[in-house]
Amino acid sequence: MFRKINIKILATIFAALLALVILVEFMDARKGNRTFKTNLVEVAVEEITSVEIYPKTTNGAMIKLFRENGLWKVESEGKKYNADQSTPGRLIAELNSLKTKNVAATKKENWENFEVTDSLGTRVKLIAGTKVLSELIIGKFSFSEPRNTTSYVRMEGEKEVYGVEGLLSMSFNRNLNAFRDRTVINSTKTDWTKLTFSYPADSSFVLEKKAEKWMIGELETDSAAVAQYFNTIASLTDGNFAAQKPEIAPTHRLIIEGNNGMQKIEISGYFVSPDEFVLESNQNPDTWLNSKTTADKLFVSSFKLIQN
C-alpha cells in the first residue's frame, strides 16, 4: 500500500516538475531569450546561381546578381552590366554568418515596427537554379551602447522577427551602381614594361623600361614621379557610370604592356566637354565612366614624369 502511495507521489512530483519546465521554456521563448533559431541562413556559396535583391531604396525594383559564363553579372530593369566579382560571395557569406540575438516579435501586427513588411523592408532571395534556398526580409536597424548594432530580419513564411548582429541594410539596401564592377585598371605594376599615351595634337609619348630605367625617348624619367603615377593607377576604380558610349572617336588612349603573360590594358578616353570626360577600359568591357578626376589621373603629360 505504501509502495502504491509512493509511486503516486513520485508521479505527481514528476508531473509538476514537467509542467514547470514547460512553463519556463514557454516564458523564455516569449521573452526572446531562448528557443529560437541561431542560424537563419545556411547555404553553400558555390550552389548559388543568383541573388535577387528588392531594395527599399529602389521601391522594391529588383536587382539581380547572377552567374553567366563563370562571371557574375548584375541586372535591373532589363539592363545587364558587369558585377563586382567579390560582391555576391561576400553577401552570401554575410547572410550565412548571421547569428540571432533575440526574437523581437512573434506577431504580424508588429512587423511594421521593425520594417519587415513587403513595402518597408528589403527582400533577398538566394537561388540555386530555379529553387529558392533561402528568402528573408531585412528591416530597420538600431544602435545601443557600447558599439552594438542590431538589424531586424524576418524569414519568408514565418511570423517571427529576429534581431541579428550587424548593419545588413548597408550591404543590401543599395542602388544598382553599388553592385556594378568599378574597375578601371587592376594590374601588377611590376609587370609593366611599356606605356603608350596617345593624345590630341603632338603631345603623345611612350614611357618604356630600358635597362631597368624608365625612359621617354632618350630622356630619363623621375623615378619617384613614375613610381607615384604607377601607384595611383595600378588599382584604379570609379563609380561614376555613364549611360552610354559617346558618339565621338576617342580623343585619348593609354595602352599598358608588360611581361609574365600580362594581358594588354587599353583605356580609351572621350573628351566631350569640360564637364564630360568618358572613360572605357578593356578590363571592364561595355562599361563607361564619366569622370574627369580619373581621366586626369590616367592621362598625364610627359613633363610630369621627366627628370628635372
Protein backbone atom coordinates (compact mmCIF):
# COMPACT_ATOMS: atom_id res chain seq x y z
CA MET A 1 0.00 0.00 0.00
CA PHE A 2 2.81 2.40 0.96
CA ARG A 3 4.55 1.49 -2.28
CA LYS A 4 1.46 2.47 -4.28
CA ILE A 5 1.26 5.75 -2.39
CA ASN A 6 4.95 6.46 -3.04
CA ILE A 7 4.51 5.79 -6.74
CA LYS A 8 1.56 8.19 -6.84
CA ILE A 9 3.56 10.84 -5.00
CA LEU A 10 6.53 10.43 -7.34
CA ALA A 11 4.26 10.60 -10.38
CA THR A 12 2.66 13.77 -9.04
CA ILE A 13 6.06 15.35 -8.38
CA PHE A 14 7.30 14.35 -11.85
CA ALA A 15 4.21 15.82 -13.49
CA ALA A 16 4.63 19.04 -11.52
CA LEU A 17 8.30 19.33 -12.50
CA LEU A 18 7.49 18.64 -16.14
CA ALA A 19 4.82 21.34 -16.12
CA LEU A 20 7.29 23.75 -14.52
CA VAL A 21 9.92 23.04 -17.19
CA ILE A 22 7.37 23.58 -19.97
CA LEU A 23 6.24 26.83 -18.37
CA VAL A 24 9.80 28.14 -18.03
CA GLU A 25 10.58 27.24 -21.64
CA PHE A 26 7.43 28.99 -22.80
CA MET A 27 8.14 32.14 -20.80
CA ASP A 28 11.74 32.30 -22.03
CA ALA A 29 10.62 31.88 -25.61
CA ARG A 30 8.14 34.74 -25.19
CA LYS A 31 10.93 36.93 -23.89
CA GLY A 32 13.09 36.04 -26.85
CA ASN A 33 15.88 34.71 -24.65
CA ARG A 34 15.81 31.05 -25.66
CA THR A 35 14.36 28.52 -28.04
CA PHE A 36 14.89 30.31 -31.33
CA LYS A 37 16.94 29.73 -34.45
CA THR A 38 20.57 30.61 -34.04
CA ASN A 39 21.43 30.34 -37.74
CA LEU A 40 18.87 31.85 -40.10
CA VAL A 41 20.66 31.13 -43.40
CA GLU A 42 22.75 28.07 -44.24
CA VAL A 43 23.62 27.70 -47.93
CA ALA A 44 26.70 26.64 -49.87
CA VAL A 45 28.14 29.63 -51.73
CA GLU A 46 29.09 27.53 -54.75
CA GLU A 47 25.49 26.30 -55.14
CA ILE A 48 24.02 29.78 -55.51
CA THR A 49 23.45 30.78 -59.13
CA SER A 50 21.61 34.03 -58.49
CA VAL A 51 20.83 36.52 -55.75
CA GLU A 52 17.67 38.60 -56.08
CA ILE A 53 17.51 41.80 -54.05
CA TYR A 54 14.45 44.06 -53.80
CA PRO A 55 15.88 47.11 -52.02
CA LYS A 56 13.71 49.53 -50.13
CA THR A 57 15.74 52.37 -51.65
CA THR A 58 14.57 51.36 -55.16
CA ASN A 59 10.95 50.97 -54.02
CA GLY A 60 11.31 47.23 -54.42
CA ALA A 61 12.60 47.24 -58.01
CA MET A 62 14.61 44.03 -58.36
CA ILE A 63 18.38 43.94 -58.67
CA LYS A 64 19.56 40.51 -59.76
CA LEU A 65 23.09 39.15 -59.43
CA PHE A 66 23.63 36.01 -61.49
CA ARG A 67 26.35 33.82 -62.92
CA GLU A 68 27.00 33.90 -66.67
CA ASN A 69 29.88 32.03 -68.29
CA GLY A 70 31.70 31.83 -64.99
CA LEU A 71 31.34 35.53 -64.20
CA TRP A 72 28.85 37.45 -62.08
CA LYS A 73 26.56 39.93 -63.82
CA VAL A 74 24.02 42.34 -62.39
CA GLU A 75 20.69 43.15 -63.98
CA SER A 76 17.99 45.69 -63.29
CA GLU A 77 15.04 46.93 -65.34
CA GLY A 78 16.09 44.82 -68.31
CA LYS A 79 19.66 46.13 -68.48
CA LYS A 80 22.68 43.92 -67.77
CA TYR A 81 26.10 45.01 -66.50
CA ASN A 82 29.34 43.55 -65.18
CA ALA A 83 29.10 42.95 -61.44
CA ASP A 84 31.80 43.38 -58.85
CA GLN A 85 33.05 39.79 -58.74
CA SER A 86 33.63 39.75 -54.98
CA THR A 87 30.23 41.14 -54.01
CA PRO A 88 27.92 38.09 -54.41
CA GLY A 89 30.17 35.80 -52.38
CA ARG A 90 30.54 38.45 -49.70
CA LEU A 91 26.78 38.96 -49.47
CA ILE A 92 26.09 35.22 -49.20
CA ALA A 93 28.80 34.81 -46.57
CA GLU A 94 27.32 37.70 -44.60
CA LEU A 95 23.92 36.01 -44.52
CA ASN A 96 25.45 32.65 -43.62
CA SER A 97 27.20 34.23 -40.66
CA LEU A 98 24.04 35.77 -39.19
CA LYS A 99 23.62 34.95 -35.52
CA THR A 100 20.32 35.69 -33.84
CA LYS A 101 20.45 37.71 -30.66
CA ASN A 102 16.79 37.53 -29.76
CA VAL A 103 13.23 37.21 -31.02
CA ALA A 104 11.96 40.77 -31.27
CA ALA A 105 8.37 39.96 -32.25
CA THR A 106 6.15 36.95 -32.88
CA LYS A 107 3.04 38.58 -34.35
CA LYS A 108 2.32 40.02 -37.78
CA GLU A 109 0.90 43.16 -36.20
CA ASN A 110 4.42 44.08 -35.09
CA TRP A 111 6.12 43.71 -38.50
CA GLU A 112 5.76 47.39 -39.37
CA ASN A 113 7.54 48.40 -36.17
CA PHE A 114 10.64 46.57 -37.40
CA GLU A 115 10.11 47.41 -41.11
CA VAL A 116 9.96 43.78 -42.24
CA THR A 117 6.84 44.10 -44.40
CA ASP A 118 6.98 43.86 -48.20
CA SER A 119 6.76 47.64 -48.59
CA LEU A 120 9.10 48.67 -45.77
CA GLY A 121 11.85 46.06 -45.94
CA THR A 122 14.48 44.79 -48.37
CA ARG A 123 13.70 41.30 -49.65
CA VAL A 124 16.57 38.95 -50.51
CA LYS A 125 16.39 35.58 -52.28
CA LEU A 126 19.24 33.08 -52.59
CA ILE A 127 18.57 30.84 -55.58
CA ALA A 128 20.13 27.65 -56.94
CA GLY A 129 18.88 27.09 -60.48
CA THR A 130 15.14 27.60 -60.13
CA LYS A 131 14.94 26.72 -56.44
CA VAL A 132 14.84 29.39 -53.75
CA LEU A 133 17.10 28.08 -50.97
CA SER A 134 16.58 30.97 -48.60
CA GLU A 135 14.44 34.10 -48.53
CA LEU A 136 14.30 36.84 -45.97
CA ILE A 137 13.25 40.44 -45.45
CA ILE A 138 15.74 42.86 -43.94
CA GLY A 139 14.20 45.63 -41.87
CA LYS A 140 15.47 48.50 -39.80
CA PHE A 141 18.49 48.59 -37.52
CA SER A 142 19.12 50.06 -34.10
CA PHE A 143 22.13 51.14 -32.07
CA SER A 144 22.86 50.51 -28.43
CA GLU A 145 25.94 51.04 -26.32
CA PRO A 146 28.68 50.11 -26.48
CA ARG A 147 29.01 49.95 -30.28
CA ASN A 148 26.28 47.37 -30.55
CA THR A 149 24.23 47.31 -33.76
CA THR A 150 21.14 45.17 -34.28
CA SER A 151 19.38 44.55 -37.59
CA TYR A 152 15.90 43.06 -37.73
CA VAL A 153 15.01 40.32 -40.19
CA ARG A 154 12.10 38.03 -40.93
CA MET A 155 12.32 34.75 -42.81
CA GLU A 156 9.75 34.35 -45.59
CA GLY A 157 6.78 32.29 -44.40
CA GLU A 158 7.48 32.94 -40.72
CA LYS A 159 5.93 35.39 -38.28
CA GLU A 160 8.94 35.80 -36.02
CA VAL A 161 11.14 38.88 -36.28
CA TYR A 162 14.74 38.22 -35.26
CA GLY A 163 17.35 40.62 -34.01
CA VAL A 164 20.77 39.88 -35.52
CA GLU A 165 24.17 41.48 -35.22
CA GLY A 166 25.38 43.91 -37.85
CA LEU A 167 24.21 46.52 -40.34
CA LEU A 168 22.61 44.39 -43.05
CA SER A 169 20.89 47.27 -44.81
CA MET A 170 24.28 48.81 -45.59
CA SER A 171 25.05 45.75 -47.72
CA PHE A 172 21.67 45.02 -49.30
CA ASN A 173 19.55 48.20 -49.32
CA ARG A 174 21.56 49.85 -52.11
CA ASN A 175 21.06 51.02 -55.66
CA LEU A 176 22.21 49.25 -58.82
CA ASN A 177 25.56 51.03 -59.15
CA ALA A 178 26.68 49.74 -55.75
CA PHE A 179 26.77 46.21 -57.20
CA ARG A 180 28.49 47.06 -60.50
CA ASP A 181 32.12 46.49 -61.42
CA ARG A 182 34.02 49.76 -60.94
CA THR A 183 37.33 48.52 -62.33
CA VAL A 184 39.37 50.87 -64.49
CA ILE A 185 42.74 49.19 -64.01
CA ASN A 186 43.59 46.19 -61.84
CA SER A 187 47.13 45.10 -62.63
CA THR A 188 50.52 44.25 -61.13
CA LYS A 189 52.65 47.31 -61.82
CA THR A 190 55.93 45.40 -61.52
CA ASP A 191 54.98 43.53 -64.72
CA TRP A 192 54.70 46.73 -66.75
CA THR A 193 57.33 47.42 -69.40
CA LYS A 194 55.73 49.92 -71.77
CA LEU A 195 53.02 52.58 -71.58
CA THR A 196 51.84 54.34 -74.72
CA PHE A 197 50.00 57.65 -74.32
CA SER A 198 48.05 58.86 -77.36
CA TYR A 199 46.80 62.44 -77.09
CA PRO A 200 45.49 65.16 -79.43
CA ALA A 201 47.97 67.28 -81.40
CA ASP A 202 51.62 66.36 -80.84
CA SER A 203 51.55 65.61 -77.09
CA SER A 204 51.66 61.80 -77.38
CA PHE A 205 54.61 59.88 -75.91
CA VAL A 206 55.85 56.42 -74.90
CA LEU A 207 57.11 55.52 -71.43
CA GLU A 208 59.31 52.43 -71.71
CA LYS A 209 61.51 50.43 -69.38
CA LYS A 210 65.07 50.14 -70.72
CA ALA A 211 67.90 48.55 -68.72
CA GLU A 212 65.86 48.89 -65.50
CA LYS A 213 65.24 52.59 -66.15
CA TRP A 214 62.03 54.22 -67.30
CA MET A 215 62.66 56.37 -70.35
CA ILE A 216 60.66 58.71 -72.59
CA GLY A 217 62.57 58.55 -75.82
CA GLU A 218 66.16 59.34 -74.84
CA LEU A 219 65.13 61.21 -71.70
CA GLU A 220 65.42 59.63 -68.28
CA THR A 221 62.35 60.00 -66.12
CA ASP A 222 61.99 60.99 -62.48
CA SER A 223 61.82 57.59 -60.75
CA ALA A 224 59.80 58.97 -57.83
CA ALA A 225 57.28 60.60 -60.18
CA VAL A 226 56.91 57.39 -62.20
CA ALA A 227 56.51 55.30 -59.04
CA GLN A 228 53.84 57.67 -57.73
CA TYR A 229 51.99 57.55 -61.05
CA PHE A 230 52.06 53.74 -61.12
CA ASN A 231 50.81 53.57 -57.54
CA THR A 232 47.94 55.87 -58.46
CA ILE A 233 46.67 53.88 -61.44
CA ALA A 234 47.58 50.22 -60.71
CA SER A 235 44.38 49.58 -58.73
CA LEU A 236 42.08 52.26 -60.05
CA THR A 237 38.30 52.24 -59.68
CA ASP A 238 35.49 54.69 -60.35
CA GLY A 239 31.75 54.54 -59.79
CA ASN A 240 30.59 57.49 -61.91
CA PHE A 241 28.86 55.40 -64.55
CA ALA A 242 27.79 56.92 -67.85
CA ALA A 243 24.63 55.75 -69.58
CA GLN A 244 26.22 55.07 -72.95
CA LYS A 245 29.31 55.32 -75.11
CA PRO A 246 29.92 58.79 -76.61
CA GLU A 247 29.23 59.23 -80.30
CA ILE A 248 32.71 60.59 -80.97
CA ALA A 249 36.03 58.82 -81.56
CA PRO A 250 38.42 58.50 -78.61
CA THR A 251 40.49 61.62 -78.02
CA HIS A 252 42.86 59.97 -75.54
CA ARG A 253 44.25 56.47 -75.19
CA LEU A 254 46.56 54.67 -72.75
CA ILE A 255 47.95 51.23 -73.58
CA ILE A 256 49.88 49.30 -70.93
CA GLU A 257 52.00 46.31 -71.93
CA GLY A 258 54.11 44.01 -69.79
CA ASN A 259 55.70 40.64 -69.22
CA ASN A 260 54.85 37.47 -67.28
CA GLY A 261 51.92 36.78 -69.58
CA MET A 262 50.20 40.04 -68.76
CA GLN A 263 47.18 40.90 -70.89
CA LYS A 264 47.46 44.28 -72.60
CA ILE A 265 45.42 47.01 -70.93
CA GLU A 266 43.74 49.64 -73.05
CA ILE A 267 41.98 52.73 -71.70
CA SER A 268 40.09 54.95 -74.12
CA GLY A 269 39.12 58.50 -73.21
CA TYR A 270 36.43 60.63 -74.83
CA PHE A 271 36.74 64.33 -74.09
CA VAL A 272 33.23 65.54 -74.89
CA SER A 273 33.26 68.81 -72.94
CA PRO A 274 34.96 70.29 -69.86
CA ASP A 275 32.25 68.62 -67.77
CA GLU A 276 32.16 65.31 -69.64
CA PHE A 277 35.20 63.08 -69.96
CA VAL A 278 34.10 59.48 -70.56
CA LEU A 279 36.41 56.51 -69.98
CA GLU A 280 36.33 52.93 -71.25
CA SER A 281 38.60 50.08 -70.09
CA ASN A 282 39.09 46.70 -71.72
CA GLN A 283 39.32 45.28 -68.20
CA ASN A 284 35.67 46.22 -67.71
CA PRO A 285 34.02 45.81 -71.14
CA ASP A 286 30.81 47.61 -72.13
CA THR A 287 31.14 49.97 -69.19
CA TRP A 288 31.56 53.73 -69.48
CA LEU A 289 32.58 56.11 -66.73
CA ASN A 290 32.16 59.87 -66.74
CA SER A 291 34.97 61.13 -64.55
CA LYS A 292 37.37 63.97 -65.30
CA THR A 293 39.06 63.28 -61.96
CA THR A 294 40.00 59.75 -63.01
CA ALA A 295 40.91 60.91 -66.51
CA ASP A 296 43.38 63.38 -65.00
CA LYS A 297 44.97 60.55 -63.03
CA LEU A 298 45.42 58.43 -66.16
CA PHE A 299 46.31 60.84 -68.92
CA VAL A 300 49.30 62.69 -67.53
CA SER A 301 51.73 64.81 -69.53
CA SER A 302 55.28 63.71 -70.26
CA PHE A 303 56.57 66.78 -68.37
CA LYS A 304 55.17 65.36 -65.13
CA LEU A 305 57.36 62.27 -65.47
CA ILE A 306 60.60 63.62 -66.93
CA GLN A 307 63.51 64.19 -64.60
CA ASN A 308 64.15 67.86 -63.84
